[in-house]
Protein backbone atom coordinates (compact mmCIF):
# COMPACT_ATOMS: atom_id res chain seq x y z
CA MET A 1 -0.86 22.70 8.73
CA SER A 2 1.37 25.93 7.64
CA GLN A 3 4.58 27.08 8.29
CA LYS A 4 3.19 29.76 10.30
CA ASP A 5 2.12 27.33 12.94
CA TYR A 6 5.37 26.23 13.47
CA PHE A 7 6.10 29.51 15.41
CA GLU A 8 2.70 30.38 16.87
CA LYS A 9 1.63 27.09 18.50
CA ASP A 10 2.84 24.86 21.27
CA TYR A 11 2.91 21.36 20.17
CA TYR A 12 4.67 20.15 23.52
CA ALA A 13 1.68 21.99 25.74
CA ALA A 14 -0.39 20.15 23.12
CA LEU A 15 0.53 16.64 24.07
CA GLY A 16 1.22 17.44 27.67
CA VAL A 17 4.91 16.43 27.82
CA ALA A 18 8.29 18.55 28.22
CA LYS A 19 10.44 19.88 25.61
CA ASP A 20 13.10 17.55 26.35
CA ALA A 21 10.80 14.30 26.31
CA SER A 22 12.02 11.31 24.30
CA ALA A 23 10.40 10.03 21.15
CA ALA A 24 9.14 7.31 23.05
CA ASP A 25 7.53 9.01 25.52
CA ILE A 26 5.80 11.17 22.89
CA LYS A 27 4.27 8.38 21.15
CA ARG A 28 3.29 6.95 24.39
CA THR A 29 1.51 9.89 25.28
CA TYR A 30 -0.16 10.56 21.96
CA ARG A 31 -1.57 6.86 21.83
CA LYS A 32 -3.39 7.31 25.34
CA LEU A 33 -4.49 10.71 24.34
CA ALA A 34 -5.78 9.56 20.97
CA GLY A 35 -7.54 6.52 22.25
CA ASP A 36 -9.45 8.54 25.01
CA LEU A 37 -10.17 11.58 22.72
CA HIS A 38 -11.02 9.10 19.49
CA PRO A 39 -14.39 10.32 18.03
CA ASP A 40 -15.83 6.99 18.13
CA LYS A 41 -15.41 6.48 21.85
CA ASN A 42 -16.75 10.30 22.46
CA PRO A 43 -19.58 10.64 19.61
CA GLY A 44 -21.10 13.88 19.72
CA ASP A 45 -18.14 15.68 21.80
CA ALA A 46 -17.25 18.58 20.05
CA GLU A 47 -14.35 19.41 22.32
CA ALA A 48 -12.92 15.92 22.24
CA GLU A 49 -13.11 15.58 18.82
CA ARG A 50 -11.32 19.55 19.07
CA ARG A 51 -8.59 18.11 21.06
CA PHE A 52 -8.14 14.80 19.35
CA LYS A 53 -7.55 17.26 16.22
CA GLU A 54 -4.88 19.37 18.18
CA VAL A 55 -3.01 16.04 19.16
CA SER A 56 -2.93 14.53 16.18
CA GLU A 57 -1.32 17.46 14.47
CA ALA A 58 1.41 18.23 17.19
CA TYR A 59 1.87 14.32 16.95
CA GLY A 60 2.55 14.89 13.37
CA VAL A 61 5.30 17.11 14.26
CA LEU A 62 7.03 15.84 17.42
CA GLY A 63 6.48 12.12 16.39
CA ASP A 64 8.82 12.66 13.09
CA ALA A 65 12.49 13.44 13.96
CA GLU A 66 13.08 16.02 11.39
CA LYS A 67 9.83 17.87 11.40
CA ARG A 68 10.78 17.98 15.25
CA ALA A 69 13.83 19.66 14.47
CA GLU A 70 12.53 22.16 12.58
CA TYR A 71 9.95 23.22 14.75
CA ASP A 72 12.16 23.57 17.75
CA GLU A 73 14.57 25.79 15.66
CA ALA A 74 10.93 27.81 14.59
CA GLN A 75 10.41 28.02 18.53
CA ARG A 76 13.72 28.62 19.32
CA LEU A 77 13.65 32.19 16.74
CA ALA A 78 10.18 33.31 18.03
CA ALA A 79 11.68 33.15 21.29
CA SER A 80 14.42 35.93 20.28
CA GLY A 81 11.96 37.97 18.75
CA PHE A 82 11.38 36.14 15.39
CA SER A 83 7.68 35.77 14.52
CA GLY A 84 7.58 34.36 11.12
CA SER A 85 5.43 36.89 9.55
CA GLY A 86 6.26 40.24 11.17
CA GLY A 87 9.93 39.84 10.92
CA PHE A 88 12.91 40.47 13.28
CA PRO A 89 12.69 43.51 16.35
CA GLY A 90 13.85 46.71 15.19
CA GLY A 91 12.63 47.04 11.84
CA PHE A 92 14.40 43.67 9.96
CA GLY A 93 10.88 43.31 8.48
CA GLY A 94 12.14 44.95 5.24
CA GLY A 95 12.93 48.37 6.10
CA HIS A 96 15.96 49.64 8.33
CA PRO A 97 15.63 52.17 11.30
CA GLY A 98 18.01 54.52 8.87
CA GLY A 99 15.40 54.92 5.80
CA TYR A 100 17.20 52.52 3.74
CA SER A 101 15.50 48.98 3.00
CA GLN A 102 17.12 45.41 1.99
CA GLY A 103 15.60 42.22 1.35
CA PHE A 104 16.98 38.99 2.60
CA SER A 105 16.89 35.86 0.94
CA ALA A 106 16.69 32.18 2.93
CA GLU A 107 19.99 31.72 2.41
CA ASP A 108 21.01 35.10 4.15
CA LEU A 109 18.89 33.85 7.23
CA SER A 110 21.00 30.44 6.85
CA ASP A 111 24.46 32.13 6.90
CA ILE A 112 23.06 34.49 9.94
CA PHE A 113 22.02 31.92 12.34
CA GLY A 114 25.14 29.69 11.34
CA ARG A 115 22.46 26.66 10.66
CA SER A 116 22.22 25.74 7.32
CA ARG A 117 22.18 22.12 6.63
CA GLY A 118 25.60 20.70 6.59
CA GLY A 119 27.48 23.57 8.69
CA ALA A 120 26.01 22.95 12.17
CA GLY A 121 23.88 20.12 11.53
CA GLY A 122 20.53 21.62 12.01
CA PRO A 123 17.24 22.01 9.88
CA ASP A 124 18.04 24.53 6.77
CA LEU A 125 16.31 27.62 7.42
CA SER A 126 16.08 28.67 3.71
CA ASP A 127 13.72 25.13 3.80
CA LEU A 128 11.77 26.57 6.81
CA LEU A 129 11.30 30.06 6.08
CA GLY A 130 11.08 29.78 2.29
CA GLY A 131 7.90 31.30 1.09
CA MET A 132 6.79 33.11 4.35
CA PHE A 133 7.77 36.79 2.93
CA GLY A 134 6.92 38.37 -0.51
CA GLY A 135 8.84 40.93 -2.46
CA GLY A 136 11.52 42.56 -1.60
CA GLY A 137 14.86 42.45 -3.27
CA GLY A 138 15.81 38.74 -2.81
CA GLY A 139 12.57 38.35 -0.58
CA PHE A 140 11.61 34.90 -0.05
CA ASN A 141 9.76 33.25 -3.01
CA GLN A 142 10.55 29.63 -2.56
CA GLN A 143 8.07 26.78 -2.07
CA PRO A 144 8.52 24.52 0.88
CA ARG A 145 10.42 21.28 0.62
CA PRO A 146 8.35 18.15 -0.02
CA THR A 147 8.01 16.53 3.15
CA LYS A 148 6.68 12.78 3.78
CA GLY A 149 3.75 12.33 5.92
CA ALA A 150 3.77 10.90 9.21
CA ASP A 151 3.16 6.81 9.34
CA ALA A 152 -0.36 6.22 10.86
CA GLU A 153 -1.35 3.37 13.04
CA ALA A 154 -4.37 1.03 13.46
CA SER A 155 -5.37 -2.43 14.79
CA VAL A 156 -7.79 -4.62 13.83
CA SER A 157 -9.70 -8.19 14.94
CA LEU A 158 -9.58 -11.12 12.60
CA SER A 159 -11.60 -14.39 12.69
CA PHE A 160 -9.12 -17.56 12.33
CA ASP A 161 -10.37 -18.35 8.60
CA ASP A 162 -9.92 -14.59 7.55
CA ALA A 163 -6.17 -14.46 8.96
CA VAL A 164 -5.77 -18.14 7.03
CA SER A 165 -7.05 -16.82 3.44
CA GLY A 166 -6.69 -13.32 4.03
CA VAL A 167 -9.29 -10.33 3.63
CA SER A 168 -10.21 -7.34 2.31
CA LEU A 169 -11.84 -5.10 4.81
CA PRO A 170 -12.56 -1.28 5.36
CA LEU A 171 -10.71 0.30 8.40
CA ARG A 172 -11.37 3.66 10.40
CA THR A 173 -8.19 6.10 10.32
CA ALA A 174 -7.65 9.05 12.51
CA GLY A 175 -5.46 12.04 11.73
CA PRO A 176 -5.08 16.21 11.84
CA ASN A 177 -7.94 16.15 9.22
CA GLY A 178 -10.56 13.85 11.05
CA THR A 179 -11.12 10.31 10.35
CA ARG A 180 -11.55 8.60 7.06
CA THR A 181 -12.28 4.90 5.82
CA VAL A 182 -9.69 3.24 3.79
CA THR A 183 -9.96 -0.43 2.27
CA VAL A 184 -6.62 -2.68 3.35
CA ASN A 185 -5.83 -6.36 2.15
CA VAL A 186 -4.96 -8.13 4.96
CA PRO A 187 -2.24 -10.92 3.89
CA ALA A 188 -3.42 -14.53 3.99
CA GLY A 189 -1.34 -16.47 6.73
CA ILE A 190 -0.79 -13.57 9.11
CA ASN A 191 -0.48 -14.59 12.98
CA ASP A 192 -1.76 -12.72 15.81
CA GLY A 193 0.21 -9.72 17.28
CA GLN A 194 1.97 -9.03 13.51
CA ARG A 195 1.79 -6.17 11.50
CA PHE A 196 1.88 -5.41 8.04
CA ARG A 197 2.15 -1.71 6.01
CA VAL A 198 -0.54 -0.36 3.82
CA LYS A 199 1.62 2.17 1.46
CA GLY A 200 0.57 5.81 1.48
CA LYS A 201 -2.59 5.41 3.73
CA GLY A 202 -0.76 7.56 6.44
CA GLN A 203 -0.86 10.72 7.29
CA PRO A 204 -0.78 13.32 4.25
CA GLY A 205 2.55 15.18 3.36
CA SER A 206 3.50 18.53 3.48
CA GLY A 207 4.72 20.67 0.26
CA GLY A 208 3.51 18.28 -2.39
CA GLY A 209 5.54 15.37 -0.44
CA PRO A 210 4.09 12.16 -0.41
CA ALA A 211 1.68 10.43 2.29
CA GLY A 212 2.96 8.23 5.16
CA ASP A 213 2.24 4.47 5.32
CA LEU A 214 -0.49 3.13 7.73
CA LEU A 215 0.95 0.35 9.83
CA VAL A 216 -2.19 -2.32 10.78
CA ARG A 217 -1.53 -4.69 13.87
CA VAL A 218 -3.69 -7.93 13.82
CA SER A 219 -5.16 -9.64 16.66
CA VAL A 220 -6.63 -13.12 15.69
CA GLU A 221 -9.20 -15.30 17.27
CA LYS A 222 -8.46 -18.52 18.75
CA HIS A 223 -9.55 -21.46 16.67
CA PRO A 224 -11.03 -24.56 19.01
CA ILE A 225 -8.58 -27.05 17.19
CA PHE A 226 -6.06 -25.20 15.17
CA GLY A 227 -3.09 -22.85 15.87
CA LEU A 228 -0.99 -20.97 13.83
CA ASP A 229 3.00 -20.75 13.31
CA GLY A 230 4.18 -18.71 10.94
CA ASN A 231 3.03 -20.38 7.50
CA ASN A 232 2.59 -23.87 9.78
CA LEU A 233 -0.88 -25.27 10.72
CA THR A 234 -0.24 -26.68 14.46
CA VAL A 235 -2.69 -28.93 16.02
CA THR A 236 -2.54 -31.52 18.98
CA VAL A 237 -3.64 -35.04 18.61
CA PRO A 238 -4.55 -37.08 21.58
CA VAL A 239 -3.47 -40.81 21.04
CA THR A 240 -4.04 -43.91 23.74
CA TYR A 241 -1.27 -45.67 25.73
CA ALA A 242 -1.03 -48.28 23.49
CA GLU A 243 -1.09 -46.52 20.18
CA ALA A 244 1.91 -44.73 21.36
CA VAL A 245 4.01 -48.23 22.73
CA LEU A 246 2.99 -50.14 19.67
CA GLY A 247 2.65 -47.71 17.10
CA ALA A 248 -0.59 -46.43 15.01
CA LYS A 249 -1.86 -45.02 11.86
CA VAL A 250 -4.41 -41.88 13.26
CA LYS A 251 -6.22 -39.55 11.22
CA VAL A 252 -5.54 -35.92 11.48
CA PRO A 253 -7.85 -32.70 10.83
CA THR A 254 -6.55 -30.10 8.29
CA LEU A 255 -8.26 -27.09 6.97
CA ASP A 256 -9.11 -28.95 4.00
CA LYS A 257 -9.65 -32.83 4.41
CA PRO A 258 -8.16 -35.45 7.15
CA VAL A 259 -4.91 -36.80 6.58
CA THR A 260 -3.52 -40.27 7.71
CA LEU A 261 0.07 -40.25 9.86
CA ARG A 262 2.00 -42.73 11.06
CA VAL A 263 2.52 -42.99 14.79
CA PRO A 264 5.85 -44.74 15.55
CA PRO A 265 6.38 -47.50 17.82
CA GLY A 266 7.63 -46.03 21.34
CA THR A 267 6.42 -42.60 20.60
CA GLN A 268 6.89 -40.28 23.67
CA ASN A 269 4.15 -37.79 25.00
CA GLY A 270 4.76 -34.21 23.59
CA ARG A 271 6.32 -35.56 20.18
CA LYS A 272 5.95 -34.03 16.85
CA LEU A 273 5.19 -35.07 13.46
CA ARG A 274 5.03 -33.18 9.96
CA GLY A 275 2.52 -33.45 7.03
CA ARG A 276 4.65 -31.83 4.34
CA GLY A 277 2.72 -29.37 2.30
CA LYS A 278 -0.38 -29.12 4.55
CA GLY A 279 -0.23 -26.09 6.14
CA ILE A 280 -0.99 -22.24 5.23
CA THR A 281 -0.51 -20.82 1.54
CA THR A 282 0.89 -17.19 1.12
CA LYS A 283 3.11 -15.35 -1.06
CA LYS A 284 6.08 -17.23 0.62
CA GLY A 285 5.19 -20.75 -0.17
CA THR A 286 2.95 -23.29 1.75
CA GLY A 287 3.62 -24.38 5.38
CA ASP A 288 3.29 -27.64 6.86
CA LEU A 289 0.96 -29.37 9.60
CA ILE A 290 2.65 -29.60 12.70
CA VAL A 291 1.19 -32.41 14.77
CA THR A 292 2.04 -32.81 18.66
CA LEU A 293 1.04 -36.21 20.12
CA GLU A 294 -0.37 -35.94 23.51
CA ILE A 295 -0.77 -39.57 25.39
CA VAL A 296 -4.26 -39.91 27.40
CA VAL A 297 -4.19 -41.74 30.66
CA PRO A 298 -7.36 -43.54 30.92
CA GLN A 299 -9.08 -42.36 34.29
CA ASN A 300 -11.33 -45.22 34.63
CA LEU A 301 -10.18 -49.39 33.94
CA SER A 302 -12.37 -52.20 33.76
CA ALA A 303 -11.31 -54.86 36.63
CA ASP A 304 -9.84 -56.89 33.13
CA ALA A 305 -7.91 -54.00 32.04
CA GLU A 306 -6.43 -53.18 35.23
CA GLU A 307 -5.52 -57.08 35.90
CA ALA A 308 -3.72 -56.76 32.54
CA LEU A 309 -1.87 -53.51 33.40
CA LYS A 310 -0.78 -54.86 36.87
CA LYS A 311 0.98 -58.36 34.92
CA TYR A 312 2.47 -55.80 32.32
CA ALA A 313 4.19 -54.15 35.26
CA GLU A 314 5.20 -57.14 36.71
CA LEU A 315 6.99 -58.11 33.08
CA GLN A 316 8.62 -54.41 33.15
CA SER A 317 12.55 -54.33 34.31
CA GLY A 318 14.40 -51.33 34.83
CA ASP A 319 13.58 -47.94 36.65
CA PRO A 320 12.89 -44.80 34.85
CA ARG A 321 14.21 -42.89 37.67
CA GLU A 322 17.56 -44.40 38.07
CA HIS A 323 19.32 -41.38 36.45
CA LEU A 324 17.64 -39.13 39.78
CA GLY A 325 19.64 -41.06 41.98
CA VAL A 326 16.61 -41.47 44.51
């Protein structure tokens, strides 16, 4: 986009938000519009593609606090009669009604409006207006100030195995210049709902500034056995009542090969055991295997087993509900 666009385009109308809308409202509105208008959702629809580019360009300005402040200042000047290309009303475009001429520098305009950076705290008009005019003693010849591009957002779905080991994959992103495909490296051990940052893959900068970053949100498909908790691998392992009471050694699955863990005598339901170093390996190190024990209550007892359990109950002393006072 050119600096002239700051004077001539109504980015608030493009997004359908009020000029005093909060940053959160602007972001929420853009996400909804971008989702509804995305080319993948509207193949062959030229009007949807035009609107998608329009709202993306608008968010590229209004979604950045510094760019939004400069845009608002340009709009204020436009409302007072300054066009960004034809100068001020009354002959201030380079010649005065009295027959003499005078060139204005960006610094002169900053002084006139009292908005130079560090004064009233507003955007620097020498940055905003510089380069719009040419010629004339002291005319505008400055290049626009380099500005970093806005960050872009994308989402991706991964299999459990890809989330654990990491994967490189192509990802389509959208922006003011249309859609493009970038290759991203998903780090190993990423969890469902996490985001990671890809440097320099966001919206392009202006005035020679660097591109923004791409923020990728990840959703991970559930595994039938395992779960992830940071770098830790989690699994629930059933044990019998006898194993929990008397203690036992049980085999537990991992992503590699099974390991044997010791169940202490008197283990309660829900107790967690830890297999050191049996979790996920990432740049930050290797996590553990967290095993949650689940005591299985038998549904059908043989007559002998039922009789034995009754004898056991007769031999037991104490009331496990005594503390409830009932």
